[in-house]
Amino acid sequence: FSWGCDRHGQLGLGINYDKEDGAENTNQPQPRFCVYGVTIKKISCGEEHAAFLTNANFIYTMGSNRCGQLGIRDQDMQSKNSPVLVE
């Protein structure tokens, strides 16, 4: 489940928010059920991003990547609203 502020896609819900609306419509106050097709072993959350470790020891990240915090090679990608595998 995930809930709270999703301004940068850090909840991993895959929702594309209208950037012109600002942050007003990005809050998810009720828990939302998430299915990613993997079994999650551990989760870590930051203010603008989140990461999880699977039972197979793969790391996925989502949210803001403005400072490279997602650990992905595409530095031009400012954010990711669904989990991306860290190589």
PDB file of N, CA and C in Angstrom:
ATOM      1  N   PHE A   1       0.841  -1.178   0.000  1.00  0.00           N
ATOM      2  CA  PHE A   1       0.000   0.000   0.000  1.00  0.00           C
ATOM      3  C   PHE A   1       0.884   1.238   0.000  1.00  0.00           C
ATOM      4  N   SER A   2       0.399   2.306  -0.607  1.00  0.00           N
ATOM      5  CA  SER A   2       1.103   3.582  -0.524  1.00  0.00           C
ATOM      6  C   SER A   2       0.085   4.705  -0.412  1.00  0.00           C
ATOM      7  N   TRP A   3       0.500   5.804   0.244  1.00  0.00           N
ATOM      8  CA  TRP A   3      -0.363   6.962   0.418  1.00  0.00           C
ATOM      9  C   TRP A   3       0.487   8.156   0.788  1.00  0.00           C
ATOM     10  N   GLY A   4      -0.091   9.332   0.694  1.00  0.00           N
ATOM     11  CA  GLY A   4       0.608  10.566   1.040  1.00  0.00           C
ATOM     12  C   GLY A   4       0.846  11.433  -0.174  1.00  0.00           C
ATOM     13  N   CYS A   5       1.878  12.235  -0.110  1.00  0.00           N
ATOM     14  CA  CYS A   5       2.230  13.137  -1.201  1.00  0.00           C
ATOM     15  C   CYS A   5       2.867  12.340  -2.338  1.00  0.00           C
ATOM     16  N   ASP A   6       2.403  12.580  -3.557  1.00  0.00           N
ATOM     17  CA  ASP A   6       2.946  11.890  -4.732  1.00  0.00           C
ATOM     18  C   ASP A   6       3.417  12.906  -5.764  1.00  0.00           C
ATOM     19  N   ARG A   7       3.839  14.069  -5.294  1.00  0.00           N
ATOM     20  CA  ARG A   7       4.235  15.180  -6.163  1.00  0.00           C
ATOM     21  C   ARG A   7       5.299  14.779  -7.188  1.00  0.00           C
ATOM     22  N   HIS A   8       6.196  13.875  -6.830  1.00  0.00           N
ATOM     23  CA  HIS A   8       7.295  13.480  -7.721  1.00  0.00           C
ATOM     24  C   HIS A   8       7.158  12.044  -8.202  1.00  0.00           C
ATOM     25  N   GLY A   9       6.008  11.404  -7.936  1.00  0.00           N
ATOM     26  CA  GLY A   9       5.814  10.020  -8.342  1.00  0.00           C
ATOM     27  C   GLY A   9       6.375   9.028  -7.357  1.00  0.00           C
ATOM     28  N   GLN A  10       6.745   9.483  -6.159  1.00  0.00           N
ATOM     29  CA  GLN A  10       7.414   8.630  -5.186  1.00  0.00           C
ATOM     30  C   GLN A  10       6.540   7.517  -4.629  1.00  0.00           C
ATOM     31  N   LEU A  11       5.227   7.573  -4.851  1.00  0.00           N
ATOM     32  CA  LEU A  11       4.362   6.476  -4.400  1.00  0.00           C
ATOM     33  C   LEU A  11       4.357   5.315  -5.392  1.00  0.00           C
ATOM     34  N   GLY A  12       4.861   5.545  -6.592  1.00  0.00           N
ATOM     35  CA  GLY A  12       4.946   4.475  -7.582  1.00  0.00           C
ATOM     36  C   GLY A  12       3.606   4.051  -8.146  1.00  0.00           C
ATOM     37  N   LEU A  13       2.631   4.958  -8.161  1.00  0.00           N
ATOM     38  CA  LEU A  13       1.293   4.629  -8.636  1.00  0.00           C
ATOM     39  C   LEU A  13       1.151   4.724 -10.148  1.00  0.00           C
ATOM     40  N   GLY A  14       2.159   5.295 -10.816  1.00  0.00           N
ATOM     41  CA  GLY A  14       2.110   5.424 -12.271  1.00  0.00           C
ATOM     42  C   GLY A  14       1.189   6.520 -12.758  1.00  0.00           C
ATOM     43  N   ILE A  15       0.812   7.446 -11.882  1.00  0.00           N
ATOM     44  CA  ILE A  15      -0.102   8.524 -12.247  1.00  0.00           C
ATOM     45  C   ILE A  15       0.688   9.687 -12.832  1.00  0.00           C
ATOM     46  N   ASN A  16       0.242  10.186 -13.988  1.00  0.00           N
ATOM     47  CA  ASN A  16       0.834  11.382 -14.587  1.00  0.00           C
ATOM     48  C   ASN A  16      -0.019  12.572 -14.193  1.00  0.00           C
ATOM     49  N   TYR A  17       0.518  13.448 -13.358  1.00  0.00           N
ATOM     50  CA  TYR A  17      -0.213  14.627 -12.915  1.00  0.00           C
ATOM     51  C   TYR A  17      -0.006  15.755 -13.896  1.00  0.00           C
ATOM     52  N   ASP A  18      -1.018  16.579 -14.061  1.00  0.00           N
ATOM     53  CA  ASP A  18      -0.928  17.758 -14.908  1.00  0.00           C
ATOM     54  C   ASP A  18      -0.022  18.765 -14.211  1.00  0.00           C
ATOM     55  N   LYS A  19       1.124  19.036 -14.783  1.00  0.00           N
ATOM     56  CA  LYS A  19       2.114  19.926 -14.153  1.00  0.00           C
ATOM     57  C   LYS A  19       1.564  21.339 -13.950  1.00  0.00           C
ATOM     58  N   GLU A  20       0.609  21.759 -14.768  1.00  0.00           N
ATOM     59  CA  GLU A  20       0.052  23.102 -14.617  1.00  0.00           C
ATOM     60  C   GLU A  20      -0.840  23.211 -13.388  1.00  0.00           C
ATOM     61  N   ASP A  21      -1.361  22.091 -12.896  1.00  0.00           N
ATOM     62  CA  ASP A  21      -2.184  22.107 -11.686  1.00  0.00           C
ATOM     63  C   ASP A  21      -1.326  22.210 -10.434  1.00  0.00           C
ATOM     64  N   GLY A  22      -0.026  22.054 -10.576  1.00  0.00           N
ATOM     65  CA  GLY A  22       0.874  22.103  -9.428  1.00  0.00           C
ATOM     66  C   GLY A  22       0.705  20.882  -8.556  1.00  0.00           C
ATOM     67  N   ALA A  23       0.936  21.035  -7.260  1.00  0.00           N
ATOM     68  CA  ALA A  23       0.919  19.908  -6.332  1.00  0.00           C
ATOM     69  C   ALA A  23      -0.466  19.642  -5.750  1.00  0.00           C
ATOM     70  N   GLU A  24      -1.462  20.440  -6.126  1.00  0.00           N
ATOM     71  CA  GLU A  24      -2.779  20.339  -5.500  1.00  0.00           C
ATOM     72  C   GLU A  24      -3.423  18.970  -5.645  1.00  0.00           C
ATOM     73  N   ASN A  25      -3.251  18.324  -6.781  1.00  0.00           N
ATOM     74  CA  ASN A  25      -3.925  17.059  -7.044  1.00  0.00           C
ATOM     75  C   ASN A  25      -3.025  15.847  -6.843  1.00  0.00           C
ATOM     76  N   THR A  26      -1.899  16.011  -6.199  1.00  0.00           N
ATOM     77  CA  THR A  26      -0.945  14.915  -6.088  1.00  0.00           C
ATOM     78  C   THR A  26      -1.034  14.146  -4.782  1.00  0.00           C
ATOM     79  N   ASN A  27      -1.885  14.560  -3.871  1.00  0.00           N
ATOM     80  CA  ASN A  27      -1.997  13.857  -2.590  1.00  0.00           C
ATOM     81  C   ASN A  27      -2.907  12.645  -2.698  1.00  0.00           C
ATOM     82  N   GLN A  28      -2.497  11.574  -2.073  1.00  0.00           N
ATOM     83  CA  GLN A  28      -3.273  10.338  -2.001  1.00  0.00           C
ATOM     84  C   GLN A  28      -3.537  10.076  -0.522  1.00  0.00           C
ATOM     85  N   PRO A  29      -4.619  10.632   0.057  1.00  0.00           N
ATOM     86  CA  PRO A  29      -4.834  10.533   1.500  1.00  0.00           C
ATOM     87  C   PRO A  29      -5.257   9.150   1.981  1.00  0.00           C
ATOM     88  N   GLN A  30      -5.773   8.323   1.091  1.00  0.00           N
ATOM     89  CA  GLN A  30      -6.199   6.971   1.456  1.00  0.00           C
ATOM     90  C   GLN A  30      -5.182   5.955   0.940  1.00  0.00           C
ATOM     91  N   PRO A  31      -4.893   4.895   1.696  1.00  0.00           N
ATOM     92  CA  PRO A  31      -3.966   3.861   1.211  1.00  0.00           C
ATOM     93  C   PRO A  31      -4.428   3.278  -0.121  1.00  0.00           C
ATOM     94  N   ARG A  32      -3.498   3.183  -1.065  1.00  0.00           N
ATOM     95  CA  ARG A  32      -3.771   2.615  -2.386  1.00  0.00           C
ATOM     96  C   ARG A  32      -3.003   1.306  -2.503  1.00  0.00           C
ATOM     97  N   PHE A  33      -3.680   0.260  -2.948  1.00  0.00           N
ATOM     98  CA  PHE A  33      -3.062  -1.050  -3.128  1.00  0.00           C
ATOM     99  C   PHE A  33      -2.171  -1.003  -4.360  1.00  0.00           C
ATOM    100  N   CYS A  34      -0.935  -1.468  -4.233  1.00  0.00           N
ATOM    101  CA  CYS A  34       0.028  -1.446  -5.330  1.00  0.00           C
ATOM    102  C   CYS A  34       0.471  -2.868  -5.657  1.00  0.00           C
ATOM    103  N   VAL A  35       0.553  -3.171  -6.941  1.00  0.00           N
ATOM    104  CA  VAL A  35       1.048  -4.463  -7.394  1.00  0.00           C
ATOM    105  C   VAL A  35       2.165  -4.201  -8.401  1.00  0.00           C
ATOM    106  N   TYR A  36       3.346  -4.693  -8.095  1.00  0.00           N
ATOM    107  CA  TYR A  36       4.495  -4.490  -8.968  1.00  0.00           C
ATOM    108  C   TYR A  36       5.006  -5.783  -9.592  1.00  0.00           C
ATOM    109  N   GLY A  37       4.410  -6.922  -9.262  1.00  0.00           N
ATOM    110  CA  GLY A  37       4.821  -8.195  -9.843  1.00  0.00           C
ATOM    111  C   GLY A  37       6.067  -8.784  -9.216  1.00  0.00           C
ATOM    112  N   VAL A  38       6.478  -8.264  -8.070  1.00  0.00           N
ATOM    113  CA  VAL A  38       7.634  -8.781  -7.335  1.00  0.00           C
ATOM    114  C   VAL A  38       7.272  -8.829  -5.857  1.00  0.00           C
ATOM    115  N   THR A  39       8.010  -9.617  -5.098  1.00  0.00           N
ATOM    116  CA  THR A  39       7.822  -9.647  -3.653  1.00  0.00           C
ATOM    117  C   THR A  39       8.809  -8.688  -3.014  1.00  0.00           C
ATOM    118  N   ILE A  40       8.286  -7.725  -2.266  1.00  0.00           N
ATOM    119  CA  ILE A  40       9.117  -6.690  -1.657  1.00  0.00           C
ATOM    120  C   ILE A  40       9.580  -7.151  -0.280  1.00  0.00           C
ATOM    121  N   LYS A  41      10.903  -7.052  -0.068  1.00  0.00           N
ATOM    122  CA  LYS A  41      11.498  -7.446   1.199  1.00  0.00           C
ATOM    123  C   LYS A  41      11.702  -6.250   2.128  1.00  0.00           C
ATOM    124  N   LYS A  42      12.193  -5.126   1.579  1.00  0.00           N
ATOM    125  CA  LYS A  42      12.465  -3.927   2.382  1.00  0.00           C
ATOM    126  C   LYS A  42      12.100  -2.689   1.576  1.00  0.00           C
ATOM    127  N   ILE A  43      11.715  -1.635   2.292  1.00  0.00           N
ATOM    128  CA  ILE A  43      11.333  -0.368   1.667  1.00  0.00           C
ATOM    129  C   ILE A  43      12.080   0.764   2.364  1.00  0.00           C
ATOM    130  N   SER A  44      12.488   1.762   1.585  1.00  0.00           N
ATOM    131  CA  SER A  44      13.086   2.973   2.141  1.00  0.00           C
ATOM    132  C   SER A  44      12.434   4.165   1.448  1.00  0.00           C
ATOM    133  N   CYS A  45      12.040   5.158   2.227  1.00  0.00           N
ATOM    134  CA  CYS A  45      11.354   6.324   1.670  1.00  0.00           C
ATOM    135  C   CYS A  45      12.079   7.608   2.020  1.00  0.00           C
ATOM    136  N   GLY A  46      12.210   8.471   1.028  1.00  0.00           N
ATOM    137  CA  GLY A  46      12.747   9.802   1.240  1.00  0.00           C
ATOM    138  C   GLY A  46      11.634  10.812   1.042  1.00  0.00           C
ATOM    139  N   GLU A  47      11.963  12.079   1.094  1.00  0.00           N
ATOM    140  CA  GLU A  47      10.944  13.116   0.935  1.00  0.00           C
ATOM    141  C   GLU A  47      10.379  13.135  -0.477  1.00  0.00           C
ATOM    142  N   GLU A  48      11.225  12.911  -1.483  1.00  0.00           N
ATOM    143  CA  GLU A  48      10.781  12.995  -2.875  1.00  0.00           C
ATOM    144  C   GLU A  48      10.995  11.708  -3.657  1.00  0.00           C
ATOM    145  N   HIS A  49      11.457  10.645  -3.018  1.00  0.00           N
ATOM    146  CA  HIS A  49      11.684   9.393  -3.725  1.00  0.00           C
ATOM    147  C   HIS A  49      11.527   8.219  -2.764  1.00  0.00           C
ATOM    148  N   ALA A  50      11.446   7.028  -3.330  1.00  0.00           N
ATOM    149  CA  ALA A  50      11.342   5.802  -2.533  1.00  0.00           C
ATOM    150  C   ALA A  50      12.105   4.696  -3.255  1.00  0.00           C
ATOM    151  N   ALA A  51      12.472   3.675  -2.502  1.00  0.00           N
ATOM    152  CA  ALA A  51      13.182   2.527  -3.061  1.00  0.00           C
ATOM    153  C   ALA A  51      12.719   1.275  -2.347  1.00  0.00           C
ATOM    154  N   PHE A  52      12.768   0.155  -3.061  1.00  0.00           N
ATOM    155  CA  PHE A  52      12.496  -1.107  -2.388  1.00  0.00           C
ATOM    156  C   PHE A  52      13.422  -2.196  -2.899  1.00  0.00           C
ATOM    157  N   LEU A  53      13.653  -3.147  -2.030  1.00  0.00           N
ATOM    158  CA  LEU A  53      14.490  -4.312  -2.303  1.00  0.00           C
ATOM    159  C   LEU A  53      13.580  -5.514  -2.409  1.00  0.00           C
ATOM    160  N   THR A  54      13.747  -6.314  -3.459  1.00  0.00           N
ATOM    161  CA  THR A  54      12.900  -7.496  -3.649  1.00  0.00           C
ATOM    162  C   THR A  54      13.543  -8.717  -2.987  1.00  0.00           C
ATOM    163  N   ASN A  55      12.756  -9.786  -2.872  1.00  0.00           N
ATOM    164  CA  ASN A  55      13.290 -11.041  -2.342  1.00  0.00           C
ATOM    165  C   ASN A  55      14.421 -11.593  -3.199  1.00  0.00           C
ATOM    166  N   ALA A  56      14.433 -11.229  -4.492  1.00  0.00           N
ATOM    167  CA  ALA A  56      15.499 -11.666  -5.401  1.00  0.00           C
ATOM    168  C   ALA A  56      16.687 -10.702  -5.374  1.00  0.00           C
ATOM    169  N   ASN A  57      16.683  -9.751  -4.421  1.00  0.00           N
ATOM    170  CA  ASN A  57      17.760  -8.771  -4.227  1.00  0.00           C
ATOM    171  C   ASN A  57      17.941  -7.799  -5.388  1.00  0.00           C
ATOM    172  N   PHE A  58      16.836  -7.431  -6.040  1.00  0.00           N
ATOM    173  CA  PHE A  58      16.843  -6.359  -7.033  1.00  0.00           C
ATOM    174  C   PHE A  58      16.360  -5.083  -6.338  1.00  0.00           C
ATOM    175  N   ILE A  59      16.905  -3.945  -6.741  1.00  0.00           N
ATOM    176  CA  ILE A  59      16.510  -2.657  -6.178  1.00  0.00           C
ATOM    177  C   ILE A  59      15.720  -1.878  -7.229  1.00  0.00           C
ATOM    178  N   TYR A  60      14.581  -1.361  -6.807  1.00  0.00           N
ATOM    179  CA  TYR A  60      13.743  -0.511  -7.647  1.00  0.00           C
ATOM    180  C   TYR A  60      13.604   0.836  -6.958  1.00  0.00           C
ATOM    181  N   THR A  61      13.572   1.913  -7.753  1.00  0.00           N
ATOM    182  CA  THR A  61      13.399   3.251  -7.209  1.00  0.00           C
ATOM    183  C   THR A  61      12.303   3.975  -7.989  1.00  0.00           C
ATOM    184  N   MET A  62      11.759   5.035  -7.372  1.00  0.00           N
ATOM    185  CA  MET A  62      10.731   5.849  -8.024  1.00  0.00           C
ATOM    186  C   MET A  62      10.686   7.214  -7.353  1.00  0.00           C
ATOM    187  N   GLY A  63      10.221   8.212  -8.092  1.00  0.00           N
ATOM    188  CA  GLY A  63      10.119   9.572  -7.562  1.00  0.00           C
ATOM    189  C   GLY A  63      11.059  10.526  -8.262  1.00  0.00           C
ATOM    190  N   SER A  64      11.513  11.530  -7.535  1.00  0.00           N
ATOM    191  CA  SER A  64      12.372  12.564  -8.103  1.00  0.00           C
ATOM    192  C   SER A  64      13.774  12.024  -8.385  1.00  0.00           C
ATOM    193  N   ASN A  65      14.316  12.456  -9.520  1.00  0.00           N
ATOM    194  CA  ASN A  65      15.684  12.096  -9.893  1.00  0.00           C
ATOM    195  C   ASN A  65      16.501  13.357 -10.197  1.00  0.00           C
ATOM    196  N   ARG A  66      16.055  14.503  -9.675  1.00  0.00           N
ATOM    197  CA  ARG A  66      16.729  15.774  -9.976  1.00  0.00           C
ATOM    198  C   ARG A  66      18.187  15.784  -9.555  1.00  0.00           C
ATOM    199  N   CYS A  67      18.520  15.056  -8.521  1.00  0.00           N
ATOM    200  CA  CYS A  67      19.913  15.001  -8.046  1.00  0.00           C
ATOM    201  C   CYS A  67      20.509  13.613  -8.220  1.00  0.00           C
ATOM    202  N   GLY A  68      19.888  12.786  -9.073  1.00  0.00           N
ATOM    203  CA  GLY A  68      20.394  11.441  -9.324  1.00  0.00           C
ATOM    204  C   GLY A  68      20.034  10.431  -8.247  1.00  0.00           C
ATOM    205  N   GLN A  69      19.072  10.752  -7.371  1.00  0.00           N
ATOM    206  CA  GLN A  69      18.771   9.875  -6.249  1.00  0.00           C
ATOM    207  C   GLN A  69      18.111   8.549  -6.635  1.00  0.00           C
ATOM    208  N   LEU A  70      17.664   8.384  -7.886  1.00  0.00           N
ATOM    209  CA  LEU A  70      17.081   7.104  -8.287  1.00  0.00           C
ATOM    210  C   LEU A  70      18.141   6.073  -8.672  1.00  0.00           C
ATOM    211  N   GLY A  71      19.374   6.531  -8.892  1.00  0.00           N
ATOM    212  CA  GLY A  71      20.446   5.598  -9.224  1.00  0.00           C
ATOM    213  C   GLY A  71      20.344   5.018 -10.617  1.00  0.00           C
ATOM    214  N   ILE A  72      19.689   5.741 -11.526  1.00  0.00           N
ATOM    215  CA  ILE A  72      19.544   5.265 -12.905  1.00  0.00           C
ATOM    216  C   ILE A  72      20.497   6.031 -13.810  1.00  0.00           C
ATOM    217  N   ARG A  73      20.774   5.464 -14.956  1.00  0.00           N
ATOM    218  CA  ARG A  73      21.767   6.069 -15.857  1.00  0.00           C
ATOM    219  C   ARG A  73      21.235   7.294 -16.593  1.00  0.00           C
ATOM    220  N   ASP A  74      19.933   7.390 -16.776  1.00  0.00           N
ATOM    221  CA  ASP A  74      19.341   8.498 -17.521  1.00  0.00           C
ATOM    222  C   ASP A  74      19.230   9.727 -16.626  1.00  0.00           C
ATOM    223  N   GLN A  75      20.261  10.562 -16.620  1.00  0.00           N
ATOM    224  CA  GLN A  75      20.278  11.758 -15.778  1.00  0.00           C
ATOM    225  C   GLN A  75      19.326  12.833 -16.277  1.00  0.00           C
ATOM    226  N   ASP A  76      18.851  12.706 -17.534  1.00  0.00           N
ATOM    227  CA  ASP A  76      17.891  13.670 -18.070  1.00  0.00           C
ATOM    228  C   ASP A  76      16.479  13.410 -17.555  1.00  0.00           C
ATOM    229  N   MET A  77      16.216  12.216 -17.037  1.00  0.00           N
ATOM    230  CA  MET A  77      14.905  11.900 -16.497  1.00  0.00           C
ATOM    231  C   MET A  77      14.762  12.554 -15.125  1.00  0.00           C
ATOM    232  N   GLN A  78      13.880  13.535 -15.012  1.00  0.00           N
ATOM    233  CA  GLN A  78      13.711  14.301 -13.777  1.00  0.00           C
ATOM    234  C   GLN A  78      12.944  13.539 -12.710  1.00  0.00           C
ATOM    235  N   SER A  79      12.036  12.635 -13.127  1.00  0.00           N
ATOM    236  CA  SER A  79      11.281  11.847 -12.155  1.00  0.00           C
ATOM    237  C   SER A  79      10.715  10.600 -12.830  1.00  0.00           C
ATOM    238  N   LYS A  80      10.323   9.661 -12.022  1.00  0.00           N
ATOM    239  CA  LYS A  80       9.733   8.407 -12.509  1.00  0.00           C
ATOM    240  C   LYS A  80       8.567   8.084 -11.604  1.00  0.00           C
ATOM    241  N   ASN A  81       7.359   7.915 -12.170  1.00  0.00           N
ATOM    242  CA  ASN A  81       6.163   7.698 -11.356  1.00  0.00           C
ATOM    243  C   ASN A  81       5.802   6.226 -11.174  1.00  0.00           C
ATOM    244  N   SER A  82       6.667   5.339 -11.611  1.00  0.00           N
ATOM    245  CA  SER A  82       6.507   3.907 -11.386  1.00  0.00           C
ATOM    246  C   SER A  82       7.896   3.323 -11.129  1.00  0.00           C
ATOM    247  N   PRO A  83       7.987   2.173 -10.484  1.00  0.00           N
ATOM    248  CA  PRO A  83       9.301   1.626 -10.142  1.00  0.00           C
ATOM    249  C   PRO A  83      10.186   1.373 -11.355  1.00  0.00           C
ATOM    250  N   VAL A  84      11.457   1.736 -11.226  1.00  0.00           N
ATOM    251  CA  VAL A  84      12.461   1.488 -12.268  1.00  0.00           C
ATOM    252  C   VAL A  84      13.588   0.674 -11.646  1.00  0.00           C
ATOM    253  N   LEU A  85      14.020  -0.365 -12.337  1.00  0.00           N
ATOM    254  CA  LEU A  85      15.074  -1.239 -11.860  1.00  0.00           C
ATOM    255  C   LEU A  85      16.409  -0.509 -11.880  1.00  0.00           C
ATOM    256  N   VAL A  86      17.134  -0.569 -10.775  1.00  0.00           N
ATOM    257  CA  VAL A  86      18.473  -0.001 -10.683  1.00  0.00           C
ATOM    258  C   VAL A  86      19.453  -1.083 -11.148  1.00  0.00           C
ATOM    259  N   GLU A  87      20.256  -0.752 -12.178  1.00  0.00           N
ATOM    260  CA  GLU A  87      21.208  -1.738 -12.711  1.00  0.00           C
ATOM    261  C   GLU A  87      22.425  -1.868 -11.835  1.00  0.00           C
TER     262      GLU A  87
END
